Amino acid sequence: MFHFQLVAISGKKFDEDVHEVILPTRDGRIGVLAHHMPLVSVATNGVITVRHRPHDPDHELEYFATNGGAIEVANNTLRVLVDEADRADDINEAETQKALQRAEKMKAEAKDEVSLEHAQSLVDRQAVRLQVAGLRRRHHK
């Protein structure tokens, strides 16, 4: 077991001892277990998966949709600081689908590079949130 802290601008989202965390980085998804070597990395938009105990089945995994940030592993603690983090149980799939459609419309109507980049970041964020909502639905049937 090791300690995992997930902190967003809005506050702590997770602060517990866990068995395993899988998270997105610029170099791909990495898994962190107890006594992981020290590491500092960039977190990318994506899904953070938490396994609380070694033999937890997939339907007991916990998922978070995250948006950007930094990762630090040191002294048997994983700290992930992100702009935003949404727990799967807190995501309304229908509302997120509508937000994705609005973001895609903004992207299609963008008149300049700044507007296009902003719209693309909204599309990416909502796509990750939908992915996490889908994981929750699939694993909690």
Protein backbone atom coordinates (compact mmCIF):
# COMPACT_ATOMS: atom_id res chain seq x y z
CA MET A 1 0.00 0.00 0.00
CA PHE A 2 1.02 3.60 -0.58
CA HIS A 3 -0.60 6.98 -0.14
CA PHE A 4 -2.36 8.66 -3.08
CA GLN A 5 -3.40 12.31 -3.12
CA LEU A 6 -5.32 13.82 -6.01
CA VAL A 7 -5.67 17.58 -5.71
CA ALA A 8 -7.49 19.88 -8.14
CA ILE A 9 -7.69 23.65 -8.10
CA SER A 10 -11.08 23.25 -6.38
CA GLY A 11 -9.57 21.14 -3.57
CA LYS A 12 -8.71 17.56 -2.58
CA LYS A 13 -10.47 14.91 -4.61
CA PHE A 14 -8.81 11.84 -3.10
CA ASP A 15 -6.52 11.27 -0.09
CA GLU A 16 -6.18 7.60 0.92
CA ASP A 17 -3.90 4.59 1.02
CA VAL A 18 -4.29 2.42 -2.09
CA HIS A 19 -2.77 -0.60 -3.82
CA GLU A 20 -2.37 0.72 -7.38
CA VAL A 21 -2.93 3.87 -9.46
CA ILE A 22 -2.79 4.03 -13.25
CA LEU A 23 -2.49 7.50 -14.70
CA PRO A 24 -1.90 9.32 -18.00
CA THR A 25 1.44 11.01 -18.73
CA ARG A 26 3.00 12.50 -21.84
CA ASP A 27 4.88 9.23 -22.32
CA GLY A 28 1.75 7.07 -21.97
CA ARG A 29 -0.12 5.49 -19.08
CA ILE A 30 1.95 4.45 -16.06
CA GLY A 31 1.14 2.28 -13.09
CA VAL A 32 2.26 3.16 -9.58
CA LEU A 33 2.52 0.57 -6.82
CA ALA A 34 4.04 0.68 -3.34
CA HIS A 35 7.72 1.65 -3.21
CA HIS A 36 7.71 3.09 -6.74
CA MET A 37 10.94 4.85 -7.65
CA PRO A 38 10.94 8.66 -7.23
CA LEU A 39 9.38 10.38 -10.23
CA VAL A 40 8.27 13.80 -11.38
CA SER A 41 6.21 13.94 -14.58
CA VAL A 42 3.53 15.86 -16.44
CA ALA A 43 -0.03 14.59 -16.16
CA THR A 44 -2.07 14.76 -19.34
CA ASN A 45 -5.83 14.81 -19.83
CA GLY A 46 -7.13 11.33 -19.23
CA VAL A 47 -8.38 8.70 -16.84
CA ILE A 48 -6.86 7.95 -13.44
CA THR A 49 -7.74 4.44 -12.25
CA VAL A 50 -7.48 3.50 -8.56
CA ARG A 51 -7.38 -0.05 -7.18
CA HIS A 52 -7.91 0.17 -3.42
CA ARG A 53 -6.82 -3.37 -2.44
CA PRO A 54 -4.66 -5.95 -4.27
CA HIS A 55 -7.46 -8.33 -5.20
CA ASP A 56 -10.22 -5.80 -5.95
CA PRO A 57 -12.17 -6.87 -9.04
CA ASP A 58 -12.61 -4.41 -11.91
CA HIS A 59 -16.11 -3.42 -10.82
CA GLU A 60 -14.61 -1.98 -7.61
CA LEU A 61 -12.06 0.24 -9.37
CA GLU A 62 -12.49 3.98 -8.94
CA TYR A 63 -12.10 6.36 -11.89
CA PHE A 64 -11.35 10.06 -12.23
CA ALA A 65 -11.40 12.26 -15.34
CA THR A 66 -8.49 14.68 -15.06
CA ASN A 67 -7.31 17.71 -16.93
CA GLY A 68 -3.59 18.55 -17.03
CA GLY A 69 -1.22 18.83 -14.11
CA ALA A 70 1.84 17.35 -12.43
CA ILE A 71 2.78 14.00 -10.90
CA GLU A 72 5.21 13.40 -8.06
CA VAL A 73 6.15 10.05 -6.54
CA ALA A 74 8.36 10.16 -3.44
CA ASN A 75 8.54 8.40 -0.07
CA ASN A 76 5.75 5.92 -0.90
CA THR A 77 3.37 8.78 -1.75
CA LEU A 78 1.87 9.68 -5.11
CA ARG A 79 0.72 13.29 -5.45
CA VAL A 80 -1.16 14.37 -8.56
CA LEU A 81 -1.94 18.07 -8.90
CA VAL A 82 -4.41 18.82 -11.70
CA ASP A 83 -6.50 21.67 -13.00
CA GLU A 84 -9.69 19.60 -12.77
CA ALA A 85 -10.66 16.15 -11.54
CA ASP A 86 -14.10 14.56 -11.67
CA ARG A 87 -14.94 11.33 -9.85
CA ALA A 88 -16.85 8.95 -12.13
CA ASP A 89 -19.84 8.90 -9.79
CA ASP A 90 -20.13 12.69 -10.05
CA ILE A 91 -20.34 12.82 -13.86
CA ASN A 92 -23.78 13.15 -15.43
CA GLU A 93 -23.39 11.35 -18.74
CA ALA A 94 -26.30 13.11 -20.51
CA GLU A 95 -25.08 16.58 -19.49
CA THR A 96 -21.54 15.71 -20.50
CA GLN A 97 -22.73 14.51 -23.91
CA LYS A 98 -24.50 17.86 -24.43
CA ALA A 99 -21.37 19.75 -23.34
CA LEU A 100 -19.31 17.73 -25.82
CA GLN A 101 -21.72 18.61 -28.62
CA ARG A 102 -21.51 22.32 -27.71
CA ALA A 103 -17.70 22.15 -27.67
CA GLU A 104 -17.63 20.42 -31.06
CA LYS A 105 -19.91 23.15 -32.46
CA MET A 106 -17.58 25.83 -31.03
CA LYS A 107 -14.65 24.07 -32.68
CA ALA A 108 -16.41 23.92 -36.05
CA GLU A 109 -17.25 27.63 -35.83
CA ALA A 110 -13.85 28.82 -34.55
CA LYS A 111 -12.60 31.84 -36.48
CA ASP A 112 -9.02 31.95 -35.22
CA GLU A 113 -6.29 29.75 -33.73
CA VAL A 114 -6.98 30.81 -30.12
CA SER A 115 -10.69 29.99 -30.42
CA LEU A 116 -9.86 26.68 -32.08
CA GLU A 117 -7.40 25.69 -29.33
CA HIS A 118 -9.90 26.64 -26.61
CA ALA A 119 -12.68 24.64 -28.28
CA GLN A 120 -10.35 21.64 -28.77
CA SER A 121 -9.44 21.66 -25.06
CA LEU A 122 -13.16 21.65 -24.20
CA VAL A 123 -13.76 18.77 -26.63
CA ASP A 124 -10.88 16.80 -25.08
CA ARG A 125 -12.10 17.43 -21.52
CA GLN A 126 -15.67 16.35 -22.25
CA ALA A 127 -14.48 13.28 -24.20
CA VAL A 128 -12.46 12.12 -21.17
CA ARG A 129 -15.42 12.74 -18.86
CA LEU A 130 -17.63 10.61 -21.15
CA GLN A 131 -14.99 7.89 -21.19
CA VAL A 132 -14.93 7.81 -17.38
CA ALA A 133 -18.74 7.78 -17.18
CA GLY A 134 -18.75 4.85 -19.61
CA LEU A 135 -16.19 2.96 -17.52
CA ARG A 136 -18.31 3.44 -14.43
CA ARG A 137 -21.47 2.27 -16.22
CA ARG A 138 -19.74 -0.77 -17.76
CA HIS A 139 -18.06 -1.89 -14.52
CA HIS A 140 -20.97 -1.22 -12.16
CA LYS A 141 -23.69 -3.24 -13.89
